[in-house]
C-alpha atoms as a PDB file:
ATOM      1  CA  MET A   1      39.378  47.662  -6.031  1.00  0.00           C
ATOM      2  CA  ASN A   2      35.963  48.825  -7.140  1.00  0.00           C
ATOM      3  CA  LEU A   3      33.427  47.249  -4.735  1.00  0.00           C
ATOM      4  CA  LYS A   4      30.769  47.423  -7.427  1.00  0.00           C
ATOM      5  CA  TYR A   5      32.685  44.927  -9.605  1.00  0.00           C
ATOM      6  CA  VAL A   6      33.366  42.680  -6.597  1.00  0.00           C
ATOM      7  CA  ALA A   7      29.640  42.554  -5.827  1.00  0.00           C
ATOM      8  CA  VAL A   8      28.814  41.734  -9.440  1.00  0.00           C
ATOM      9  CA  ALA A   9      31.424  38.936  -9.460  1.00  0.00           C
ATOM     10  CA  VAL A  10      30.001  37.448  -6.254  1.00  0.00           C
ATOM     11  CA  VAL A  11      26.493  37.472  -7.704  1.00  0.00           C
ATOM     12  CA  VAL A  12      27.670  35.843 -10.937  1.00  0.00           C
ATOM     13  CA  ILE A  13      29.487  33.086  -9.005  1.00  0.00           C
ATOM     14  CA  ALA A  14      26.455  32.494  -6.760  1.00  0.00           C
ATOM     15  CA  VAL A  15      24.138  32.248  -9.761  1.00  0.00           C
ATOM     16  CA  ALA A  16      26.523  29.801 -11.430  1.00  0.00           C
ATOM     17  CA  ILE A  17      26.651  27.593  -8.307  1.00  0.00           C
ATOM     18  CA  ILE A  18      22.861  27.604  -7.985  1.00  0.00           C
ATOM     19  CA  GLY A  19      22.579  26.689 -11.658  1.00  0.00           C
ATOM     20  CA  VAL A  20      24.925  23.723 -11.239  1.00  0.00           C
ATOM     21  CA  VAL A  21      23.012  22.480  -8.176  1.00  0.00           C
ATOM     22  CA  LEU A  22      19.664  22.733  -9.962  1.00  0.00           C
ATOM     23  CA  ALA A  23      21.061  20.989 -13.022  1.00  0.00           C
ATOM     24  CA  LEU A  24      22.403  18.131 -10.881  1.00  0.00           C
ATOM     25  CA  ARG A  25      19.038  17.750  -9.153  1.00  0.00           C
ATOM     26  CA  MET A  26      17.268  17.781 -12.493  1.00  0.00           C
ATOM     27  CA  PHE A  27      19.384  15.021 -13.998  1.00  0.00           C
ATOM     28  CA  TYR A  28      20.030  12.962 -10.856  1.00  0.00           C
ATOM     29  CA  LYS A  29      17.938   9.823 -10.549  1.00  0.00           C
ATOM     30  CA  PRO A  30      18.163   7.377  -7.623  1.00  0.00           C
ATOM     31  CA  MET A  31      19.865   4.132  -8.619  1.00  0.00           C
ATOM     32  CA  GLY A  32      18.018   0.877  -8.087  1.00  0.00           C
ATOM     33  CA  PRO A  33      15.536  -1.582  -9.597  1.00  0.00           C
ATOM     34  CA  THR A  34      12.345  -0.370 -11.219  1.00  0.00           C
ATOM     35  CA  PHE A  35       9.015  -0.907  -9.480  1.00  0.00           C
ATOM     36  CA  ASN A  36       8.080  -3.510 -12.099  1.00  0.00           C
ATOM     37  CA  GLU A  37      11.217  -5.522 -11.372  1.00  0.00           C
ATOM     38  CA  LEU A  38      10.412  -5.884  -7.677  1.00  0.00           C
ATOM     39  CA  PHE A  39       6.675  -6.118  -8.228  1.00  0.00           C
ATOM     40  CA  ALA A  40       7.269  -9.224 -10.334  1.00  0.00           C
ATOM     41  CA  TYR A  41       8.408 -10.981  -7.140  1.00  0.00           C
ATOM     42  CA  ALA A  42       5.566  -9.622  -4.991  1.00  0.00           C
ATOM     43  CA  SER A  43       2.982 -12.207  -6.072  1.00  0.00           C
ATOM     44  CA  ASN A  44       5.166 -15.297  -6.289  1.00  0.00           C
ATOM     45  CA  ASN A  45       7.456 -15.346  -3.273  1.00  0.00           C
ATOM     46  CA  THR A  46       6.834 -16.904   0.137  1.00  0.00           C
ATOM     47  CA  TYR A  47       6.866 -14.858   3.339  1.00  0.00           C
ATOM     48  CA  THR A  48       4.909 -13.925   6.447  1.00  0.00           C
ATOM     49  CA  ALA A  49       4.801 -10.414   7.876  1.00  0.00           C
ATOM     50  CA  ASN A  50       3.009  -8.521  10.615  1.00  0.00           C
ATOM     51  CA  TYR A  51       2.025  -4.902  10.066  1.00  0.00           C
ATOM     52  CA  ASN A  52       0.581  -1.976  11.945  1.00  0.00           C
ATOM     53  CA  TYR A  53      -2.459  -0.978   9.876  1.00  0.00           C
ATOM     54  CA  TYR A  54      -3.540   2.624  10.421  1.00  0.00           C
ATOM     55  CA  ILE A  55      -6.421   4.556   8.849  1.00  0.00           C
ATOM     56  CA  TYR A  56      -6.943   8.311   9.225  1.00  0.00           C
ATOM     57  CA  SER A  57      -9.858  10.188   7.715  1.00  0.00           C
ATOM     58  CA  ASN A  58     -10.933  13.815   7.804  1.00  0.00           C
ATOM     59  CA  ILE A  59     -14.201  14.263   5.961  1.00  0.00           C
ATOM     60  CA  ALA A  60     -15.518  17.817   6.183  1.00  0.00           C
ATOM     61  CA  GLY A  61     -13.955  18.219   9.619  1.00  0.00           C
ATOM     62  CA  GLN A  62     -15.120  14.873  10.980  1.00  0.00           C
ATOM     63  CA  VAL A  63     -11.886  13.179  12.021  1.00  0.00           C
ATOM     64  CA  SER A  64     -11.572   9.485  12.812  1.00  0.00           C
ATOM     65  CA  THR A  65      -8.688   7.068  13.283  1.00  0.00           C
ATOM     66  CA  GLU A  66      -8.548   3.279  13.278  1.00  0.00           C
ATOM     67  CA  ASP A  67      -5.728   0.938  14.287  1.00  0.00           C
ATOM     68  CA  TYR A  68      -5.363  -2.746  13.453  1.00  0.00           C
ATOM     69  CA  LEU A  69      -2.810  -5.524  13.632  1.00  0.00           C
ATOM     70  CA  PHE A  70      -2.489  -7.010  10.160  1.00  0.00           C
ATOM     71  CA  THR A  71      -0.966 -10.450   9.536  1.00  0.00           C
ATOM     72  CA  TYR A  72      -0.247 -11.379   5.922  1.00  0.00           C
ATOM     73  CA  SER A  73       1.180 -14.712   4.792  1.00  0.00           C
ATOM     74  CA  GLN A  74       1.601 -15.948   1.228  1.00  0.00           C
ATOM     75  CA  ARG A  75       3.094 -18.890  -0.654  1.00  0.00           C
ATOM     76  CA  GLY A  76       3.490 -18.830  -4.413  1.00  0.00           C
ATOM     77  CA  LEU A  77       0.697 -17.481  -6.573  1.00  0.00           C
ATOM     78  CA  THR A  78      -2.420 -18.756  -4.809  1.00  0.00           C
ATOM     79  CA  ASP A  79      -1.928 -19.480  -1.091  1.00  0.00           C
ATOM     80  CA  ARG A  80      -2.866 -16.513   1.080  1.00  0.00           C
ATOM     81  CA  TYR A  81      -3.627 -16.275   4.814  1.00  0.00           C
ATOM     82  CA  ILE A  82      -4.709 -12.946   6.326  1.00  0.00           C
ATOM     83  CA  VAL A  83      -5.814 -11.892   9.791  1.00  0.00           C
ATOM     84  CA  VAL A  84      -6.935  -8.340  10.591  1.00  0.00           C
ATOM     85  CA  THR A  85      -7.469  -7.678  14.316  1.00  0.00           C
ATOM     86  CA  THR A  86      -8.690  -4.525  16.042  1.00  0.00           C
ATOM     87  CA  THR A  87      -6.324  -3.139  18.671  1.00  0.00           C
ATOM     88  CA  SER A  88      -9.096  -1.736  20.860  1.00  0.00           C
ATOM     89  CA  ALA A  89     -11.686  -3.603  22.920  1.00  0.00           C
ATOM     90  CA  PRO A  90     -13.818  -5.444  22.123  1.00  0.00           C
ATOM     91  CA  GLN A  91     -11.186  -7.179  20.022  1.00  0.00           C
ATOM     92  CA  MET A  92     -12.520  -8.621  16.757  1.00  0.00           C
ATOM     93  CA  SER A  93     -10.769 -10.398  13.908  1.00  0.00           C
ATOM     94  CA  LEU A  94     -11.333 -10.990  10.216  1.00  0.00           C
ATOM     95  CA  TYR A  95      -9.782 -14.096   8.611  1.00  0.00           C
ATOM     96  CA  ILE A  96      -9.242 -14.632   4.888  1.00  0.00           C
ATOM     97  CA  VAL A  97      -7.760 -17.691   3.212  1.00  0.00           C
ATOM     98  CA  THR A  98      -7.230 -18.136  -0.524  1.00  0.00           C
ATOM     99  CA  THR A  99      -6.033 -21.467  -1.913  1.00  0.00           C
ATOM    100  CA  LYS A 100      -6.241 -23.817  -4.884  1.00  0.00           C
ATOM    101  CA  LEU A 101      -8.238 -27.025  -4.476  1.00  0.00           C
ATOM    102  CA  SER A 102      -7.041 -30.390  -5.778  1.00  0.00           C
ATOM    103  CA  ASN A 103      -9.412 -30.010  -8.750  1.00  0.00           C
ATOM    104  CA  GLY A 104      -7.716 -26.738  -9.771  1.00  0.00           C
ATOM    105  CA  THR A 105     -10.442 -24.386  -8.499  1.00  0.00           C
ATOM    106  CA  ILE A 106      -9.246 -21.335  -6.558  1.00  0.00           C
ATOM    107  CA  ILE A 107     -11.406 -20.523  -3.545  1.00  0.00           C
ATOM    108  CA  GLN A 108     -11.492 -17.684  -1.064  1.00  0.00           C
ATOM    109  CA  CYS A 109     -12.787 -18.300   2.448  1.00  0.00           C
ATOM    110  CA  ILE A 110     -13.770 -15.572   4.895  1.00  0.00           C
ATOM    111  CA  ALA A 111     -14.526 -15.853   8.593  1.00  0.00           C
ATOM    112  CA  GLU A 112     -15.630 -12.898  10.680  1.00  0.00           C
ATOM    113  CA  PRO A 113     -18.243 -12.248  13.409  1.00  0.00           C
ATOM    114  CA  LEU A 114     -21.027 -11.638  10.890  1.00  0.00           C
ATOM    115  CA  TYR A 115     -20.137 -14.088   8.120  1.00  0.00           C
ATOM    116  CA  ALA A 116     -18.271 -17.323   7.409  1.00  0.00           C
ATOM    117  CA  GLY A 117     -18.063 -19.177   4.121  1.00  0.00           C
ATOM    118  CA  CYS A 118     -16.147 -19.941   0.931  1.00  0.00           C
ATOM    119  CA  SER A 119     -16.639 -19.090  -2.722  1.00  0.00           C
ATOM    120  CA  SER A 120     -14.697 -19.736  -5.903  1.00  0.00           C
ATOM    121  CA  THR A 121     -12.686 -16.916  -7.435  1.00  0.00           C
ATOM    122  CA  ASN A 122     -10.865 -16.407 -10.710  1.00  0.00           C
ATOM    123  CA  GLN A 123      -8.195 -14.081  -9.406  1.00  0.00           C
ATOM    124  CA  THR A 124      -5.418 -13.953  -6.898  1.00  0.00           C
ATOM    125  CA  PHE A 125      -3.718 -10.962  -5.294  1.00  0.00           C
ATOM    126  CA  ASN A 126      -0.705  -9.718  -3.391  1.00  0.00           C
ATOM    127  CA  LEU A 127      -0.528  -7.271  -0.503  1.00  0.00           C
ATOM    128  CA  VAL A 128       0.206  -4.259  -2.716  1.00  0.00           C
ATOM    129  CA  TYR A 129      -2.893  -4.924  -4.827  1.00  0.00           C
ATOM    130  CA  LEU A 130      -4.902  -5.475  -1.654  1.00  0.00           C
ATOM    131  CA  ALA A 131      -3.856  -2.191  -0.007  1.00  0.00           C
ATOM    132  CA  LEU A 132      -3.923   0.026  -3.100  1.00  0.00           C
ATOM    133  CA  PRO A 133      -7.289  -0.116  -4.917  1.00  0.00           C
ATOM    134  CA  ILE A 134      -5.746   1.208  -8.137  1.00  0.00           C
ATOM    135  CA  VAL A 135      -2.246   0.012  -9.019  1.00  0.00           C
ATOM    136  CA  ASN A 136      -0.662   1.181 -12.261  1.00  0.00           C
ATOM    137  CA  ALA A 137       2.777  -0.362 -11.964  1.00  0.00           C
ATOM    138  CA  SER A 138       4.220   1.762 -14.763  1.00  0.00           C
ATOM    139  CA  SER A 139       3.371   4.993 -12.924  1.00  0.00           C
ATOM    140  CA  PHE A 140       5.641   4.315  -9.907  1.00  0.00           C
ATOM    141  CA  THR A 141       8.920   6.206  -9.715  1.00  0.00           C
ATOM    142  CA  LEU A 142      11.890   5.237  -7.569  1.00  0.00           C
ATOM    143  CA  ILE A 143      12.458   7.968  -4.982  1.00  0.00           C
ATOM    144  CA  GLY A 144      15.241   6.405  -2.939  1.00  0.00           C
ATOM    145  CA  GLU A 145      16.359   3.723  -0.552  1.00  0.00           C
ATOM    146  CA  GLN A 146      15.901   3.459   3.202  1.00  0.00           C
ATOM    147  CA  LYS A 147      16.594   1.011   6.002  1.00  0.00           C
ATOM    148  CA  ILE A 148      13.467  -0.711   7.358  1.00  0.00           C
ATOM    149  CA  LEU A 149      13.706  -3.613   9.824  1.00  0.00           C
ATOM    150  CA  GLY A 150      17.323  -4.094   8.763  1.00  0.00           C
ATOM    151  CA  TYR A 151      16.402  -4.438   5.075  1.00  0.00           C
ATOM    152  CA  ASN A 152      17.571  -2.117   2.316  1.00  0.00           C
ATOM    153  CA  ALA A 153      14.126  -1.143   1.058  1.00  0.00           C
ATOM    154  CA  TYR A 154      13.545   0.569  -2.280  1.00  0.00           C
ATOM    155  CA  CYS A 155      10.770   3.159  -2.133  1.00  0.00           C
ATOM    156  CA  TYR A 156       8.496   4.224  -4.981  1.00  0.00           C
ATOM    157  CA  VAL A 157       5.746   6.799  -5.381  1.00  0.00           C
ATOM    158  CA  SER A 158       2.857   7.240  -7.802  1.00  0.00           C
ATOM    159  CA  ARG A 159       0.622  10.305  -8.084  1.00  0.00           C
ATOM    160  CA  ASN A 160      -2.548  10.459 -10.120  1.00  0.00           C
ATOM    161  CA  THR A 161      -6.113  11.728 -10.181  1.00  0.00           C
ATOM    162  CA  THR A 162      -9.122   9.431 -10.121  1.00  0.00           C
ATOM    163  CA  MET A 163     -12.695   9.326  -8.816  1.00  0.00           C
ATOM    164  CA  LEU A 164     -13.444   9.002  -5.118  1.00  0.00           C
ATOM    165  CA  GLY A 165     -15.627   5.951  -5.762  1.00  0.00           C
ATOM    166  CA  ASN A 166     -12.601   4.061  -7.091  1.00  0.00           C
ATOM    167  CA  VAL A 167     -10.745   4.285  -3.786  1.00  0.00           C
ATOM    168  CA  MET A 168     -13.697   4.585  -1.407  1.00  0.00           C
ATOM    169  CA  PRO A 169     -16.665   2.456  -2.588  1.00  0.00           C
ATOM    170  CA  SER A 170     -18.951   3.811   0.143  1.00  0.00           C
ATOM    171  CA  ALA A 171     -18.721   7.243  -1.541  1.00  0.00           C
ATOM    172  CA  VAL A 172     -20.840   5.917  -4.412  1.00  0.00           C
ATOM    173  CA  GLN A 173     -23.795   5.331  -2.084  1.00  0.00           C
ATOM    174  CA  ALA A 174     -23.391   8.857  -0.730  1.00  0.00           C
ATOM    175  CA  GLY A 175     -23.533  10.296  -4.263  1.00  0.00           C
ATOM    176  CA  LEU A 176     -19.855  11.336  -4.209  1.00  0.00           C
ATOM    177  CA  GLY A 177     -18.436   8.523  -6.322  1.00  0.00           C
ATOM    178  CA  SER A 178     -17.589  10.764  -9.295  1.00  0.00           C
ATOM    179  CA  VAL A 179     -15.793  13.449  -7.254  1.00  0.00           C
ATOM    180  CA  PRO A 180     -12.190  13.815  -8.555  1.00  0.00           C
ATOM    181  CA  VAL A 181      -9.476  13.174  -5.965  1.00  0.00           C
ATOM    182  CA  ASN A 182      -5.702  13.404  -5.882  1.00  0.00           C
ATOM    183  CA  VAL A 183      -4.153  10.055  -4.969  1.00  0.00           C
ATOM    184  CA  THR A 184      -0.605   9.429  -3.777  1.00  0.00           C
ATOM    185  CA  SER A 185       0.565   5.825  -3.477  1.00  0.00           C
ATOM    186  CA  GLU A 186       3.828   4.915  -1.770  1.00  0.00           C
ATOM    187  CA  VAL A 187       5.458   1.487  -1.572  1.00  0.00           C
ATOM    188  CA  CYS A 188       8.757   0.384  -0.033  1.00  0.00           C
ATOM    189  CA  MET A 189       9.878  -3.186  -0.851  1.00  0.00           C
ATOM    190  CA  THR A 190      12.831  -5.454  -0.192  1.00  0.00           C
ATOM    191  CA  GLN A 191      14.949  -6.729  -3.070  1.00  0.00           C
ATOM    192  CA  ASP A 192      12.733  -9.817  -3.339  1.00  0.00           C
ATOM    193  CA  GLY A 193       9.473  -7.869  -3.400  1.00  0.00           C
ATOM    194  CA  VAL A 194       8.322  -8.043   0.227  1.00  0.00           C
ATOM    195  CA  PRO A 195       6.404  -4.822   0.992  1.00  0.00           C
ATOM    196  CA  LEU A 196       7.593  -3.160   4.201  1.00  0.00           C
ATOM    197  CA  LEU A 197       5.585   0.054   3.853  1.00  0.00           C
ATOM    198  CA  ILE A 198       2.444   0.775   1.841  1.00  0.00           C
ATOM    199  CA  ARG A 199       0.734   4.138   2.131  1.00  0.00           C
ATOM    200  CA  LEU A 200      -2.291   5.505   0.278  1.00  0.00           C
ATOM    201  CA  SER A 201      -3.227   9.184   0.588  1.00  0.00           C
ATOM    202  CA  VAL A 202      -6.396  10.674  -0.902  1.00  0.00           C
ATOM    203  CA  PHE A 203      -7.202  14.376  -0.932  1.00  0.00           C
ATOM    204  CA  THR A 204      -9.842  16.632  -2.432  1.00  0.00           C
ATOM    205  CA  THR A 205     -11.956  19.640  -1.487  1.00  0.00           C
ATOM    206  CA  LEU A 206     -15.713  19.752  -1.883  1.00  0.00           C
ATOM    207  CA  SER A 207     -17.664  22.968  -2.245  1.00  0.00           C
ATOM    208  CA  ILE A 208     -20.907  22.735  -0.286  1.00  0.00           C
ATOM    209  CA  SER A 209     -23.178  25.795  -0.167  1.00  0.00           C
ATOM    210  CA  GLY A 210     -20.207  28.083  -0.661  1.00  0.00           C
ATOM    211  CA  TYR A 211     -18.094  26.382   2.020  1.00  0.00           C
ATOM    212  CA  SER A 212     -14.967  24.316   1.402  1.00  0.00           C
ATOM    213  CA  ALA A 213     -15.142  20.815   2.833  1.00  0.00           C
ATOM    214  CA  PRO A 214     -11.841  18.882   2.687  1.00  0.00           C
ATOM    215  CA  ILE A 215     -11.657  15.128   2.293  1.00  0.00           C
ATOM    216  CA  ASN A 216      -8.345  13.696   3.470  1.00  0.00           C
ATOM    217  CA  ILE A 217      -7.913   9.937   3.866  1.00  0.00           C
ATOM    218  CA  THR A 218      -4.690   8.072   4.603  1.00  0.00           C
ATOM    219  CA  GLN A 219      -4.176   4.380   5.185  1.00  0.00           C
ATOM    220  CA  SER A 220      -0.793   2.806   5.836  1.00  0.00           C
ATOM    221  CA  LEU A 221       0.719  -0.603   6.472  1.00  0.00           C
ATOM    222  CA  GLN A 222       4.037  -0.491   8.343  1.00  0.00           C
ATOM    223  CA  ALA A 223       5.869  -3.795   8.780  1.00  0.00           C
ATOM    224  CA  ILE A 224       6.679  -4.881  12.350  1.00  0.00           C
ATOM    225  CA  ASN A 225       8.490  -8.106  11.476  1.00  0.00           C
ATOM    226  CA  VAL A 226       9.073 -10.325   8.444  1.00  0.00           C
ATOM    227  CA  GLU A 227       9.805 -14.035   8.078  1.00  0.00           C
ATOM    228  CA  ASP A 228      11.192 -14.878   4.649  1.00  0.00           C
ATOM    229  CA  GLY A 229      10.319 -18.302   3.262  1.00  0.00           C
ATOM    230  CA  THR A 230       7.561 -18.895   5.829  1.00  0.00           C
ATOM    231  CA  TYR A 231       3.886 -19.569   5.130  1.00  0.00           C
ATOM    232  CA  LEU A 232       1.358 -20.097   7.946  1.00  0.00           C
ATOM    233  CA  SER A 233       0.135 -23.334   6.407  1.00  0.00           C
ATOM    234  CA  GLY A 234      -1.082 -24.806   9.701  1.00  0.00           C
ATOM    235  CA  ASN A 235      -3.200 -21.741  10.490  1.00  0.00           C
ATOM    236  CA  ALA A 236      -4.679 -21.687   6.989  1.00  0.00           C
ATOM    237  CA  THR A 237      -5.434 -25.433   6.999  1.00  0.00           C
ATOM    238  CA  ALA A 238      -7.117 -25.277  10.403  1.00  0.00           C
ATOM    239  CA  LEU A 239      -9.375 -22.423   9.294  1.00  0.00           C
ATOM    240  CA  LEU A 240     -10.269 -24.179   6.039  1.00  0.00           C
ATOM    241  CA  LYS A 241     -11.159 -27.378   7.897  1.00  0.00           C
ATOM    242  CA  SER A 242     -13.391 -25.444  10.283  1.00  0.00           C
ATOM    243  CA  LEU A 243     -15.252 -24.177   7.202  1.00  0.00           C
ATOM    244  CA  GLY A 244     -15.557 -27.655   5.734  1.00  0.00           C
ATOM    245  CA  VAL A 245     -12.729 -27.497   3.188  1.00  0.00           C
ATOM    246  CA  ASN A 246     -10.347 -30.478   3.217  1.00  0.00           C
ATOM    247  CA  GLU A 247      -9.162 -30.984  -0.372  1.00  0.00           C
ATOM    248  CA  THR A 248      -6.577 -28.315  -0.965  1.00  0.00           C
ATOM    249  CA  GLY A 249      -4.088 -28.551  -3.800  1.00  0.00           C
END
């Protein structure tokens, strides 16, 4: 048998196999609900979850990391109770409560070492909106399913370009608010919209006096535990009373 023809046949078969694999990858899409379908539950369900909250930043070679314990509890559309606590000494905490008063007004109360008080607000939020400064629900694509804390979590990703000031307000004061940055947003949620993982990654490169200065910022919330159907009503009520609020809805 002519080895030349054998070699040609092998190459043709290999090319055909590669073509089939690439075609399958091109047309294969993970099966599962759309981001919008789960996101519709994210603002209206009731749950309490604890998260590890991690922030990494590398700004022109200046690297810093921050770690927090993040407690998030919500009930329906308006009741929210949040505690953010530093993991290093001296330990400090930030408390936020949002609720509707008996007269229909929605208020947000904040208590931290430097400030305590309440003010009316005309908007509510969920944890995804809170962690991702810019959320375009239609831009999220389902990338797969993974097991997190025993839940079958659906994971979605969104990639876009925006201005640094939109995701990092302090950049505006530094004169860098209009710098374009690449933003990757990742969210993994349970079937009833409880976020188990939220990650925001921001990257760009500045040119300063002929030198490249990278900006790389990542913040992530990774769930430690989740209690479905639970709202920390007692904690929220106690904090509101300490701030002089007694007439909740």
